[in-house]
Amino acid sequence: RRHQGLRLPPARTYKPGDMSAGQSNDGRWSHHVLLAEDIPAYMERIIGLFRGQTLRFIGAADGQEAIEYIEDLARPLDLLITDLDMPRRTGWHVIEALRQHRGSHVPVIMQTGEAAYPWVVRQAEALGIVLIDKSHVDIRLVAETHRLLQIGDQQVS
């Protein structure tokens, strides 16, 4: 895969599961974010943008892992951040599973290198999701996440 204009940190071993950006003083998480991204270094980079904030990230290394998490209704989920092009299942499949199993109240951000393609833009608009080009993640992702989760400055540590 090509990700033009991206400067990723060196790859590290990635094991799917719970990852934190930070925790509140009372040990609680403000929101649970499912992050579906197949490039470990990019996943790390995204989580790093939220250091010091009380978000719990649940990592899924591909679309199928994300779908399995979504289907388990006992697991909390406040926001989905997904890539489009992933092994086993695409971001579109993940969003479809989210809508089927969790309804339309869970907001979605799709971050992808294909965000400039008209068919991707049309599909994102039809689904009512936020679309961010991977080259703009550093600029837009935190603000969009805060907006969708209704996090004000007072809740960010």
N, C-alpha and C. Protein backbone atom coordinates (compact mmCIF):
# COMPACT_ATOMS: atom_id res chain seq x y z
N ARG A 1 0.83 -1.19 0.00
CA ARG A 1 0.00 0.00 0.00
C ARG A 1 0.86 1.24 0.00
N ARG A 2 0.36 2.26 -0.68
CA ARG A 2 1.06 3.53 -0.71
C ARG A 2 0.32 4.54 0.16
N HIS A 3 1.07 5.28 0.94
CA HIS A 3 0.52 6.38 1.73
C HIS A 3 1.38 7.58 1.44
N GLN A 4 1.00 8.34 0.44
CA GLN A 4 1.79 9.46 -0.01
C GLN A 4 1.81 10.55 1.04
N GLY A 5 3.00 11.10 1.25
CA GLY A 5 3.15 12.22 2.15
C GLY A 5 3.15 11.87 3.62
N LEU A 6 3.09 10.59 3.97
CA LEU A 6 3.07 10.21 5.38
C LEU A 6 4.47 9.91 5.88
N ARG A 7 4.74 10.37 7.06
CA ARG A 7 6.00 10.01 7.71
C ARG A 7 5.65 9.22 8.96
N LEU A 8 5.80 7.94 8.86
CA LEU A 8 5.42 7.06 9.96
C LEU A 8 6.61 6.78 10.86
N PRO A 9 6.36 6.59 12.16
CA PRO A 9 7.44 6.19 13.04
C PRO A 9 7.89 4.78 12.69
N PRO A 10 9.07 4.37 13.15
CA PRO A 10 9.52 3.00 12.86
C PRO A 10 8.49 1.98 13.35
N ALA A 11 8.33 0.91 12.61
CA ALA A 11 7.36 -0.12 12.97
C ALA A 11 7.75 -0.80 14.27
N ARG A 12 6.75 -1.10 15.07
CA ARG A 12 6.95 -1.87 16.31
C ARG A 12 6.01 -3.05 16.26
N THR A 13 6.27 -4.03 17.08
CA THR A 13 5.37 -5.17 17.15
C THR A 13 4.03 -4.71 17.70
N TYR A 14 2.97 -5.11 17.06
CA TYR A 14 1.63 -4.71 17.46
C TYR A 14 0.84 -5.93 17.85
N LYS A 15 0.22 -5.86 18.99
CA LYS A 15 -0.70 -6.90 19.42
C LYS A 15 -2.04 -6.25 19.64
N PRO A 16 -3.09 -6.73 18.96
CA PRO A 16 -4.40 -6.11 19.10
C PRO A 16 -4.89 -6.16 20.54
N GLY A 17 -5.74 -5.23 20.86
CA GLY A 17 -6.34 -5.22 22.19
C GLY A 17 -6.46 -3.82 22.73
N ASP A 18 -6.58 -3.72 24.05
CA ASP A 18 -6.78 -2.43 24.68
C ASP A 18 -5.49 -1.64 24.75
N MET A 19 -5.59 -0.36 24.39
CA MET A 19 -4.47 0.55 24.47
C MET A 19 -5.02 1.85 25.01
N SER A 20 -4.24 2.55 25.78
CA SER A 20 -4.76 3.79 26.34
C SER A 20 -3.96 4.97 25.85
N ALA A 21 -4.64 6.09 25.78
CA ALA A 21 -3.98 7.36 25.51
C ALA A 21 -3.74 8.06 26.83
N GLY A 22 -4.45 7.69 27.84
CA GLY A 22 -4.34 8.29 29.16
C GLY A 22 -5.52 7.86 29.99
N GLN A 23 -5.49 8.17 31.26
CA GLN A 23 -6.56 7.76 32.15
C GLN A 23 -6.87 8.91 33.09
N SER A 24 -8.12 9.03 33.49
CA SER A 24 -8.50 10.11 34.40
C SER A 24 -7.92 9.85 35.78
N ASN A 25 -7.97 10.87 36.62
CA ASN A 25 -7.42 10.74 37.97
C ASN A 25 -8.12 9.67 38.79
N ASP A 26 -9.40 9.42 38.50
CA ASP A 26 -10.11 8.40 39.26
C ASP A 26 -10.02 7.02 38.61
N GLY A 27 -9.17 6.87 37.57
CA GLY A 27 -8.95 5.57 36.94
C GLY A 27 -10.00 5.17 35.93
N ARG A 28 -10.87 6.09 35.57
CA ARG A 28 -11.94 5.77 34.62
C ARG A 28 -11.61 6.31 33.24
N TRP A 29 -12.24 5.69 32.26
CA TRP A 29 -12.10 6.12 30.87
C TRP A 29 -13.32 6.92 30.49
N SER A 30 -13.12 8.02 29.78
CA SER A 30 -14.27 8.83 29.38
C SER A 30 -15.01 8.20 28.21
N HIS A 31 -14.28 7.61 27.26
CA HIS A 31 -14.90 7.04 26.07
C HIS A 31 -14.08 5.85 25.56
N HIS A 32 -14.77 4.93 24.90
CA HIS A 32 -14.13 3.76 24.30
C HIS A 32 -14.16 3.92 22.78
N VAL A 33 -12.97 3.89 22.18
CA VAL A 33 -12.81 4.12 20.75
C VAL A 33 -12.25 2.87 20.09
N LEU A 34 -12.99 2.32 19.14
CA LEU A 34 -12.49 1.19 18.36
C LEU A 34 -11.69 1.76 17.20
N LEU A 35 -10.43 1.38 17.11
CA LEU A 35 -9.53 1.87 16.06
C LEU A 35 -9.15 0.70 15.16
N ALA A 36 -9.69 0.68 13.95
CA ALA A 36 -9.42 -0.37 12.98
C ALA A 36 -8.38 0.16 11.99
N GLU A 37 -7.17 -0.34 12.09
CA GLU A 37 -6.05 0.12 11.26
C GLU A 37 -5.05 -1.02 11.15
N ASP A 38 -4.67 -1.36 9.91
CA ASP A 38 -3.81 -2.52 9.70
C ASP A 38 -2.31 -2.19 9.71
N ILE A 39 -1.94 -0.95 9.78
CA ILE A 39 -0.51 -0.58 9.83
C ILE A 39 -0.17 -0.22 11.28
N PRO A 40 0.60 -1.07 11.96
CA PRO A 40 0.89 -0.85 13.38
C PRO A 40 1.47 0.53 13.69
N ALA A 41 2.40 0.99 12.89
CA ALA A 41 3.01 2.29 13.15
C ALA A 41 1.99 3.42 13.03
N TYR A 42 1.05 3.27 12.11
CA TYR A 42 0.03 4.29 11.94
C TYR A 42 -0.94 4.26 13.11
N MET A 43 -1.28 3.07 13.59
CA MET A 43 -2.15 2.95 14.75
C MET A 43 -1.50 3.64 15.95
N GLU A 44 -0.22 3.39 16.14
CA GLU A 44 0.52 4.01 17.23
C GLU A 44 0.50 5.53 17.10
N ARG A 45 0.68 6.00 15.90
CA ARG A 45 0.68 7.44 15.64
C ARG A 45 -0.66 8.06 16.00
N ILE A 46 -1.75 7.41 15.62
CA ILE A 46 -3.09 7.93 15.93
C ILE A 46 -3.29 7.99 17.44
N ILE A 47 -2.98 6.92 18.12
CA ILE A 47 -3.15 6.89 19.58
C ILE A 47 -2.29 7.96 20.23
N GLY A 48 -1.10 8.17 19.71
CA GLY A 48 -0.22 9.20 20.24
C GLY A 48 -0.79 10.60 20.17
N LEU A 49 -1.66 10.86 19.21
CA LEU A 49 -2.29 12.17 19.11
C LEU A 49 -3.17 12.47 20.32
N PHE A 50 -3.59 11.44 21.04
CA PHE A 50 -4.52 11.59 22.15
C PHE A 50 -3.86 11.39 23.52
N ARG A 51 -2.52 11.40 23.57
CA ARG A 51 -1.81 11.22 24.85
C ARG A 51 -2.34 12.21 25.88
N GLY A 52 -2.52 11.72 27.10
CA GLY A 52 -2.99 12.56 28.18
C GLY A 52 -4.50 12.73 28.24
N GLN A 53 -5.21 12.16 27.30
CA GLN A 53 -6.67 12.24 27.30
C GLN A 53 -7.26 10.94 27.80
N THR A 54 -8.46 10.99 28.29
CA THR A 54 -9.07 9.82 28.93
C THR A 54 -9.86 8.98 27.95
N LEU A 55 -9.23 8.60 26.86
CA LEU A 55 -9.86 7.73 25.88
C LEU A 55 -9.21 6.36 25.94
N ARG A 56 -10.03 5.32 25.88
CA ARG A 56 -9.49 3.96 25.78
C ARG A 56 -9.64 3.53 24.34
N PHE A 57 -8.52 3.18 23.71
CA PHE A 57 -8.51 2.70 22.34
C PHE A 57 -8.49 1.19 22.34
N ILE A 58 -9.37 0.60 21.55
CA ILE A 58 -9.39 -0.83 21.34
C ILE A 58 -8.90 -1.04 19.92
N GLY A 59 -7.74 -1.67 19.77
CA GLY A 59 -7.14 -1.83 18.46
C GLY A 59 -7.62 -3.07 17.73
N ALA A 60 -7.88 -2.91 16.45
CA ALA A 60 -8.22 -4.03 15.57
C ALA A 60 -7.29 -3.94 14.36
N ALA A 61 -6.54 -5.01 14.13
CA ALA A 61 -5.52 -5.01 13.08
C ALA A 61 -6.09 -5.21 11.68
N ASP A 62 -7.38 -5.50 11.59
CA ASP A 62 -8.03 -5.63 10.29
C ASP A 62 -9.54 -5.50 10.48
N GLY A 63 -10.24 -5.48 9.37
CA GLY A 63 -11.69 -5.30 9.42
C GLY A 63 -12.42 -6.40 10.17
N GLN A 64 -11.98 -7.63 10.03
CA GLN A 64 -12.66 -8.74 10.69
C GLN A 64 -12.56 -8.63 12.21
N GLU A 65 -11.38 -8.25 12.72
CA GLU A 65 -11.23 -8.06 14.17
C GLU A 65 -12.17 -6.96 14.67
N ALA A 66 -12.31 -5.90 13.90
CA ALA A 66 -13.20 -4.81 14.28
C ALA A 66 -14.65 -5.30 14.32
N ILE A 67 -15.04 -6.06 13.33
CA ILE A 67 -16.41 -6.58 13.27
C ILE A 67 -16.68 -7.50 14.46
N GLU A 68 -15.73 -8.33 14.83
CA GLU A 68 -15.91 -9.21 15.98
C GLU A 68 -16.12 -8.42 17.26
N TYR A 69 -15.39 -7.33 17.42
CA TYR A 69 -15.59 -6.47 18.60
C TYR A 69 -16.98 -5.85 18.57
N ILE A 70 -17.37 -5.33 17.43
CA ILE A 70 -18.67 -4.67 17.28
C ILE A 70 -19.81 -5.64 17.59
N GLU A 71 -19.70 -6.88 17.16
CA GLU A 71 -20.76 -7.87 17.35
C GLU A 71 -20.95 -8.26 18.81
N ASP A 72 -19.93 -8.06 19.64
CA ASP A 72 -20.03 -8.37 21.07
C ASP A 72 -20.65 -7.17 21.78
N LEU A 73 -21.95 -7.18 21.95
CA LEU A 73 -22.68 -6.03 22.47
C LEU A 73 -22.36 -5.72 23.94
N ALA A 74 -21.69 -6.63 24.63
CA ALA A 74 -21.31 -6.37 26.01
C ALA A 74 -20.09 -5.44 26.10
N ARG A 75 -19.40 -5.27 24.97
CA ARG A 75 -18.20 -4.42 24.96
C ARG A 75 -18.58 -2.98 24.64
N PRO A 76 -18.09 -2.02 25.44
CA PRO A 76 -18.48 -0.63 25.23
C PRO A 76 -17.88 -0.06 23.94
N LEU A 77 -18.62 0.85 23.33
CA LEU A 77 -18.16 1.49 22.09
C LEU A 77 -18.83 2.84 21.94
N ASP A 78 -18.00 3.89 21.91
CA ASP A 78 -18.51 5.26 21.77
C ASP A 78 -18.16 5.89 20.44
N LEU A 79 -17.12 5.38 19.76
CA LEU A 79 -16.68 5.94 18.49
C LEU A 79 -15.90 4.88 17.72
N LEU A 80 -16.10 4.85 16.41
CA LEU A 80 -15.32 4.00 15.52
C LEU A 80 -14.43 4.89 14.66
N ILE A 81 -13.13 4.61 14.68
CA ILE A 81 -12.19 5.21 13.73
C ILE A 81 -11.67 4.06 12.89
N THR A 82 -11.90 4.13 11.59
CA THR A 82 -11.52 3.01 10.73
C THR A 82 -10.76 3.46 9.49
N ASP A 83 -9.90 2.59 9.04
CA ASP A 83 -9.25 2.74 7.74
C ASP A 83 -10.24 2.19 6.71
N LEU A 84 -10.00 2.46 5.46
CA LEU A 84 -10.85 1.90 4.40
C LEU A 84 -10.29 0.58 3.91
N ASP A 85 -9.06 0.59 3.48
CA ASP A 85 -8.43 -0.56 2.83
C ASP A 85 -7.66 -1.38 3.86
N MET A 86 -8.26 -2.50 4.30
CA MET A 86 -7.64 -3.37 5.31
C MET A 86 -7.78 -4.83 4.88
N PRO A 87 -6.93 -5.68 5.43
CA PRO A 87 -7.07 -7.12 5.14
C PRO A 87 -8.38 -7.68 5.71
N ARG A 88 -8.82 -8.75 5.14
CA ARG A 88 -9.98 -9.54 5.52
C ARG A 88 -11.32 -8.84 5.33
N ARG A 89 -11.49 -7.63 5.78
CA ARG A 89 -12.73 -6.87 5.55
C ARG A 89 -12.36 -5.39 5.43
N THR A 90 -13.11 -4.66 4.62
CA THR A 90 -12.83 -3.24 4.43
C THR A 90 -13.52 -2.39 5.49
N GLY A 91 -13.19 -1.12 5.50
CA GLY A 91 -13.86 -0.18 6.39
C GLY A 91 -15.35 -0.10 6.13
N TRP A 92 -15.76 -0.25 4.86
CA TRP A 92 -17.19 -0.25 4.55
C TRP A 92 -17.89 -1.42 5.24
N HIS A 93 -17.25 -2.60 5.25
CA HIS A 93 -17.84 -3.76 5.93
C HIS A 93 -17.95 -3.50 7.43
N VAL A 94 -16.94 -2.85 8.00
CA VAL A 94 -16.94 -2.56 9.43
C VAL A 94 -18.10 -1.61 9.77
N ILE A 95 -18.28 -0.58 8.96
CA ILE A 95 -19.37 0.37 9.19
C ILE A 95 -20.72 -0.31 9.04
N GLU A 96 -20.86 -1.18 8.06
CA GLU A 96 -22.10 -1.93 7.88
C GLU A 96 -22.41 -2.77 9.12
N ALA A 97 -21.41 -3.44 9.66
CA ALA A 97 -21.61 -4.24 10.88
C ALA A 97 -21.96 -3.35 12.07
N LEU A 98 -21.33 -2.20 12.15
CA LEU A 98 -21.63 -1.26 13.23
C LEU A 98 -23.09 -0.85 13.18
N ARG A 99 -23.57 -0.47 12.02
CA ARG A 99 -24.96 -0.03 11.86
C ARG A 99 -25.93 -1.18 12.16
N GLN A 100 -25.56 -2.39 11.73
CA GLN A 100 -26.43 -3.55 11.93
C GLN A 100 -26.53 -3.92 13.41
N HIS A 101 -25.39 -3.93 14.12
CA HIS A 101 -25.37 -4.43 15.49
C HIS A 101 -25.50 -3.35 16.56
N ARG A 102 -25.11 -2.12 16.24
CA ARG A 102 -25.11 -1.05 17.24
C ARG A 102 -26.03 0.12 16.89
N GLY A 103 -26.57 0.12 15.68
CA GLY A 103 -27.42 1.22 15.26
C GLY A 103 -26.60 2.37 14.70
N SER A 104 -27.27 3.49 14.50
CA SER A 104 -26.61 4.64 13.87
C SER A 104 -26.14 5.68 14.87
N HIS A 105 -26.28 5.42 16.17
CA HIS A 105 -25.90 6.43 17.17
C HIS A 105 -24.39 6.46 17.44
N VAL A 106 -23.64 5.43 17.06
CA VAL A 106 -22.19 5.44 17.26
C VAL A 106 -21.55 6.18 16.09
N PRO A 107 -20.87 7.29 16.37
CA PRO A 107 -20.26 8.05 15.27
C PRO A 107 -19.06 7.33 14.67
N VAL A 108 -18.76 7.70 13.40
CA VAL A 108 -17.69 7.04 12.66
C VAL A 108 -16.80 8.09 12.00
N ILE A 109 -15.49 7.84 12.12
CA ILE A 109 -14.49 8.59 11.37
C ILE A 109 -13.74 7.60 10.50
N MET A 110 -13.70 7.85 9.21
CA MET A 110 -12.89 7.02 8.32
C MET A 110 -11.67 7.84 7.92
N GLN A 111 -10.50 7.31 8.23
CA GLN A 111 -9.25 7.96 7.82
C GLN A 111 -8.61 7.04 6.79
N THR A 112 -8.36 7.61 5.61
CA THR A 112 -7.90 6.79 4.50
C THR A 112 -7.09 7.59 3.50
N GLY A 113 -6.20 6.93 2.83
CA GLY A 113 -5.46 7.55 1.74
C GLY A 113 -6.29 7.71 0.49
N GLU A 114 -7.48 7.13 0.48
CA GLU A 114 -8.37 7.20 -0.68
C GLU A 114 -9.46 8.26 -0.54
N ALA A 115 -9.30 9.18 0.41
CA ALA A 115 -10.34 10.16 0.71
C ALA A 115 -10.64 11.13 -0.43
N ALA A 116 -9.74 11.27 -1.37
CA ALA A 116 -9.95 12.21 -2.48
C ALA A 116 -10.76 11.60 -3.62
N TYR A 117 -10.96 10.29 -3.61
CA TYR A 117 -11.70 9.65 -4.69
C TYR A 117 -13.19 10.01 -4.58
N PRO A 118 -13.80 10.46 -5.66
CA PRO A 118 -15.22 10.87 -5.60
C PRO A 118 -16.15 9.78 -5.08
N TRP A 119 -15.93 8.53 -5.46
CA TRP A 119 -16.83 7.47 -5.00
C TRP A 119 -16.71 7.26 -3.49
N VAL A 120 -15.53 7.48 -2.93
CA VAL A 120 -15.35 7.36 -1.48
C VAL A 120 -16.07 8.52 -0.78
N VAL A 121 -15.93 9.72 -1.31
CA VAL A 121 -16.60 10.89 -0.75
C VAL A 121 -18.12 10.70 -0.77
N ARG A 122 -18.65 10.24 -1.90
CA ARG A 122 -20.10 10.01 -2.02
C ARG A 122 -20.60 8.98 -1.01
N GLN A 123 -19.85 7.89 -0.88
CA GLN A 123 -20.26 6.84 0.07
C GLN A 123 -20.21 7.34 1.51
N ALA A 124 -19.16 8.10 1.85
CA ALA A 124 -19.05 8.64 3.20
C ALA A 124 -20.21 9.60 3.49
N GLU A 125 -20.55 10.43 2.52
CA GLU A 125 -21.68 11.35 2.69
C GLU A 125 -22.98 10.58 2.86
N ALA A 126 -23.17 9.54 2.07
CA ALA A 126 -24.40 8.73 2.16
C ALA A 126 -24.52 8.06 3.53
N LEU A 127 -23.40 7.67 4.11
CA LEU A 127 -23.40 7.00 5.41
C LEU A 127 -23.40 7.99 6.58
N GLY A 128 -23.17 9.25 6.29
CA GLY A 128 -23.13 10.26 7.35
C GLY A 128 -21.93 10.14 8.26
N ILE A 129 -20.77 9.81 7.69
CA ILE A 129 -19.55 9.64 8.48
C ILE A 129 -18.57 10.77 8.15
N VAL A 130 -17.62 10.98 9.05
CA VAL A 130 -16.55 11.94 8.83
C VAL A 130 -15.45 11.25 8.03
N LEU A 131 -14.99 11.89 6.97
CA LEU A 131 -13.94 11.35 6.11
C LEU A 131 -12.71 12.24 6.23
N ILE A 132 -11.58 11.63 6.58
CA ILE A 132 -10.33 12.37 6.72
C ILE A 132 -9.25 11.70 5.89
N ASP A 133 -8.58 12.47 5.06
CA ASP A 133 -7.44 11.95 4.31
C ASP A 133 -6.31 11.67 5.29
N LYS A 134 -5.61 10.57 5.10
CA LYS A 134 -4.53 10.21 6.02
C LYS A 134 -3.46 11.29 6.13
N SER A 135 -3.29 12.07 5.08
CA SER A 135 -2.29 13.14 5.15
C SER A 135 -2.75 14.30 6.03
N HIS A 136 -4.04 14.30 6.45
CA HIS A 136 -4.57 15.36 7.30
C HIS A 136 -4.95 14.88 8.70
N VAL A 137 -4.61 13.65 9.02
CA VAL A 137 -4.98 13.09 10.33
C VAL A 137 -4.43 13.93 11.47
N ASP A 138 -3.16 14.33 11.37
CA ASP A 138 -2.56 15.12 12.45
C ASP A 138 -3.30 16.43 12.68
N ILE A 139 -3.89 16.98 11.63
CA ILE A 139 -4.56 18.27 11.71
C ILE A 139 -6.01 18.13 12.17
N ARG A 140 -6.72 17.10 11.71
CA ARG A 140 -8.18 17.04 11.90
C ARG A 140 -8.70 16.01 12.90
N LEU A 141 -7.96 14.93 13.14
CA LEU A 141 -8.54 13.80 13.87
C LEU A 141 -8.93 14.15 15.31
N VAL A 142 -8.08 14.82 16.04
CA VAL A 142 -8.40 15.13 17.44
C VAL A 142 -9.63 16.03 17.52
N ALA A 143 -9.67 17.07 16.70
CA ALA A 143 -10.82 17.99 16.73
C ALA A 143 -12.12 17.27 16.36
N GLU A 144 -12.09 16.44 15.33
CA GLU A 144 -13.30 15.70 14.93
C GLU A 144 -13.73 14.72 16.01
N THR A 145 -12.77 14.06 16.64
CA THR A 145 -13.08 13.13 17.73
C THR A 145 -13.75 13.87 18.87
N HIS A 146 -13.17 15.01 19.27
CA HIS A 146 -13.76 15.80 20.36
C HIS A 146 -15.17 16.26 20.00
N ARG A 147 -15.35 16.68 18.76
CA ARG A 147 -16.67 17.15 18.33
C ARG A 147 -17.70 16.02 18.40
N LEU A 148 -17.34 14.86 17.86
CA LEU A 148 -18.28 13.74 17.82
C LEU A 148 -18.59 13.18 19.21
N LEU A 149 -17.60 13.20 20.09
CA LEU A 149 -17.81 12.68 21.45
C LEU A 149 -18.26 13.78 22.42
N GLN A 150 -18.39 14.99 21.89
CA GLN A 150 -18.79 16.15 22.68
C GLN A 150 -17.88 16.35 23.89
N ILE A 151 -16.59 16.31 23.60
CA ILE A 151 -15.58 16.53 24.63
C ILE A 151 -15.20 18.00 24.58
N GLY A 152 -15.37 18.67 25.70
CA GLY A 152 -14.97 20.07 25.80
C GLY A 152 -13.57 20.18 26.37
N ASP A 153 -13.02 21.37 26.37
CA ASP A 153 -11.66 21.59 26.88
C ASP A 153 -11.52 21.16 28.33
N GLN A 154 -12.61 21.24 29.11
CA GLN A 154 -12.52 20.90 30.51
C GLN A 154 -12.30 19.40 30.72
N GLN A 155 -12.58 18.55 29.72
CA GLN A 155 -12.42 17.12 29.89
C GLN A 155 -11.11 16.60 29.32
N VAL A 156 -10.30 17.48 28.77
CA VAL A 156 -9.03 17.07 28.19
C VAL A 156 -7.94 17.43 29.18
N SER A 157 -7.16 16.43 29.58
CA SER A 157 -6.10 16.71 30.54
C SER A 157 -4.77 16.87 29.86
